[in-house]
Amino acid sequence: AGLIVNLVVGIVGGVLGGWIFSLFGLFAVGTIGSIVTSVVGAIVLLWIVAAVGNKKEKKID
């Protein structure tokens, strides 16, 4: 299950990163640009998931 989750996070992160960069008028050029875009998107996605997860944990207490 870990491999599938990592693949989904990578794909969704890439799409999210491309969308975020396009909001600022930036577009990935070449392999390095695509990697940077995907990494930024994955970081943002993981940050959002962690923030939502923390809110759910606080409601349980």
N, C-alpha and C. Protein backbone atom coordinates (compact mmCIF):
# COMPACT_ATOMS: atom_id res chain seq x y z
N ALA A 1 0.83 -1.19 0.00
CA ALA A 1 0.00 0.00 0.00
C ALA A 1 0.87 1.25 0.00
N GLY A 2 2.05 1.19 0.58
CA GLY A 2 2.93 2.34 0.64
C GLY A 2 3.35 2.83 -0.74
N LEU A 3 3.63 1.90 -1.65
CA LEU A 3 4.04 2.26 -3.00
C LEU A 3 2.92 2.99 -3.73
N ILE A 4 1.70 2.50 -3.60
CA ILE A 4 0.56 3.12 -4.28
C ILE A 4 0.33 4.53 -3.73
N VAL A 5 0.41 4.68 -2.41
CA VAL A 5 0.21 6.00 -1.80
C VAL A 5 1.28 6.96 -2.29
N ASN A 6 2.52 6.51 -2.34
CA ASN A 6 3.61 7.37 -2.83
C ASN A 6 3.39 7.77 -4.28
N LEU A 7 2.94 6.86 -5.10
CA LEU A 7 2.66 7.17 -6.51
C LEU A 7 1.55 8.20 -6.63
N VAL A 8 0.48 8.02 -5.85
CA VAL A 8 -0.64 8.96 -5.89
C VAL A 8 -0.20 10.34 -5.42
N VAL A 9 0.58 10.39 -4.32
CA VAL A 9 1.07 11.68 -3.82
C VAL A 9 1.96 12.34 -4.86
N GLY A 10 2.78 11.58 -5.53
CA GLY A 10 3.65 12.14 -6.57
C GLY A 10 2.88 12.70 -7.74
N ILE A 11 1.88 11.96 -8.21
CA ILE A 11 1.10 12.41 -9.36
C ILE A 11 0.26 13.63 -9.00
N VAL A 12 -0.45 13.54 -7.87
CA VAL A 12 -1.27 14.67 -7.45
C VAL A 12 -0.38 15.87 -7.13
N GLY A 13 0.77 15.63 -6.53
CA GLY A 13 1.72 16.70 -6.24
C GLY A 13 2.21 17.39 -7.50
N GLY A 14 2.46 16.61 -8.53
CA GLY A 14 2.89 17.19 -9.80
C GLY A 14 1.82 18.08 -10.41
N VAL A 15 0.59 17.62 -10.38
CA VAL A 15 -0.52 18.41 -10.91
C VAL A 15 -0.72 19.67 -10.06
N LEU A 16 -0.69 19.51 -8.75
CA LEU A 16 -0.87 20.64 -7.84
C LEU A 16 0.26 21.65 -8.01
N GLY A 17 1.48 21.16 -8.14
CA GLY A 17 2.63 22.04 -8.34
C GLY A 17 2.51 22.82 -9.64
N GLY A 18 2.10 22.16 -10.70
CA GLY A 18 1.91 22.84 -11.98
C GLY A 18 0.84 23.92 -11.89
N TRP A 19 -0.23 23.62 -11.17
CA TRP A 19 -1.30 24.59 -10.99
C TRP A 19 -0.82 25.79 -10.16
N ILE A 20 -0.10 25.51 -9.07
CA ILE A 20 0.41 26.59 -8.22
C ILE A 20 1.38 27.47 -9.00
N PHE A 21 2.30 26.86 -9.72
CA PHE A 21 3.28 27.64 -10.49
C PHE A 21 2.58 28.47 -11.56
N SER A 22 1.53 27.92 -12.18
CA SER A 22 0.84 28.68 -13.23
C SER A 22 0.12 29.89 -12.66
N LEU A 23 -0.29 29.82 -11.39
CA LEU A 23 -0.91 30.98 -10.75
C LEU A 23 0.06 32.15 -10.67
N PHE A 24 1.35 31.85 -10.54
CA PHE A 24 2.38 32.88 -10.46
C PHE A 24 2.99 33.19 -11.82
N GLY A 25 2.46 32.58 -12.87
CA GLY A 25 2.97 32.83 -14.21
C GLY A 25 4.25 32.07 -14.51
N LEU A 26 4.56 31.04 -13.73
CA LEU A 26 5.76 30.24 -13.94
C LEU A 26 5.40 28.91 -14.58
N PHE A 27 6.25 28.43 -15.45
CA PHE A 27 6.01 27.16 -16.12
C PHE A 27 7.30 26.34 -16.12
N ALA A 28 7.17 25.04 -15.88
CA ALA A 28 8.33 24.15 -15.82
C ALA A 28 8.94 24.00 -17.21
N VAL A 29 10.27 24.12 -17.24
CA VAL A 29 10.99 23.93 -18.49
C VAL A 29 12.01 22.82 -18.28
N GLY A 30 11.92 21.76 -19.06
CA GLY A 30 12.87 20.67 -18.98
C GLY A 30 12.61 19.73 -17.80
N THR A 31 13.50 18.79 -17.66
CA THR A 31 13.37 17.77 -16.61
C THR A 31 13.52 18.37 -15.23
N ILE A 32 14.51 19.22 -15.03
CA ILE A 32 14.73 19.82 -13.70
C ILE A 32 13.53 20.66 -13.30
N GLY A 33 12.98 21.43 -14.21
CA GLY A 33 11.80 22.23 -13.92
C GLY A 33 10.61 21.38 -13.52
N SER A 34 10.44 20.26 -14.21
CA SER A 34 9.34 19.35 -13.88
C SER A 34 9.53 18.73 -12.50
N ILE A 35 10.77 18.37 -12.19
CA ILE A 35 11.05 17.77 -10.87
C ILE A 35 10.79 18.79 -9.76
N VAL A 36 11.27 20.01 -9.95
CA VAL A 36 11.06 21.06 -8.94
C VAL A 36 9.56 21.31 -8.76
N THR A 37 8.84 21.39 -9.86
CA THR A 37 7.39 21.61 -9.79
C THR A 37 6.71 20.49 -9.02
N SER A 38 7.07 19.25 -9.31
CA SER A 38 6.46 18.11 -8.63
C SER A 38 6.81 18.07 -7.15
N VAL A 39 8.05 18.38 -6.82
CA VAL A 39 8.47 18.37 -5.41
C VAL A 39 7.72 19.45 -4.63
N VAL A 40 7.62 20.64 -5.20
CA VAL A 40 6.89 21.72 -4.53
C VAL A 40 5.43 21.32 -4.34
N GLY A 41 4.83 20.76 -5.36
CA GLY A 41 3.44 20.32 -5.26
C GLY A 41 3.24 19.23 -4.22
N ALA A 42 4.17 18.26 -4.16
CA ALA A 42 4.06 17.19 -3.17
C ALA A 42 4.23 17.74 -1.76
N ILE A 43 5.13 18.69 -1.58
CA ILE A 43 5.33 19.29 -0.25
C ILE A 43 4.06 20.01 0.19
N VAL A 44 3.47 20.78 -0.72
CA VAL A 44 2.23 21.49 -0.40
C VAL A 44 1.11 20.50 -0.08
N LEU A 45 1.01 19.44 -0.87
CA LEU A 45 -0.01 18.42 -0.64
C LEU A 45 0.17 17.76 0.72
N LEU A 46 1.39 17.38 1.07
CA LEU A 46 1.65 16.76 2.37
C LEU A 46 1.38 17.73 3.51
N TRP A 47 1.67 19.01 3.31
CA TRP A 47 1.39 20.03 4.33
C TRP A 47 -0.12 20.15 4.56
N ILE A 48 -0.89 20.13 3.46
CA ILE A 48 -2.35 20.21 3.57
C ILE A 48 -2.90 18.97 4.28
N VAL A 49 -2.40 17.80 3.92
CA VAL A 49 -2.86 16.56 4.55
C VAL A 49 -2.53 16.56 6.04
N ALA A 50 -1.34 17.03 6.40
CA ALA A 50 -0.95 17.09 7.82
C ALA A 50 -1.83 18.09 8.58
N ALA A 51 -2.15 19.22 7.97
CA ALA A 51 -2.99 20.23 8.63
C ALA A 51 -4.39 19.69 8.86
N VAL A 52 -4.94 19.00 7.87
CA VAL A 52 -6.28 18.43 8.01
C VAL A 52 -6.25 17.30 9.05
N GLY A 53 -5.20 16.51 9.04
CA GLY A 53 -5.07 15.42 10.01
C GLY A 53 -4.99 15.93 11.43
N ASN A 54 -4.28 17.02 11.65
CA ASN A 54 -4.15 17.59 12.99
C ASN A 54 -5.49 18.13 13.48
N LYS A 55 -6.29 18.70 12.59
CA LYS A 55 -7.60 19.21 12.99
C LYS A 55 -8.51 18.06 13.42
N LYS A 56 -8.44 16.94 12.71
CA LYS A 56 -9.28 15.79 13.06
C LYS A 56 -8.86 15.22 14.41
N GLU A 57 -7.55 15.17 14.67
CA GLU A 57 -7.07 14.63 15.94
C GLU A 57 -7.50 15.52 17.10
N LYS A 58 -7.49 16.83 16.92
CA LYS A 58 -7.88 17.75 17.98
C LYS A 58 -9.35 17.63 18.32
N LYS A 59 -10.21 17.32 17.35
CA LYS A 59 -11.64 17.19 17.59
C LYS A 59 -11.94 15.96 18.45
N ILE A 60 -11.09 14.94 18.38
CA ILE A 60 -11.32 13.70 19.13
C ILE A 60 -11.13 13.95 20.63
N ASP A 61 -10.20 14.83 20.99
CA ASP A 61 -9.90 15.04 22.41
C ASP A 61 -11.04 15.60 23.17
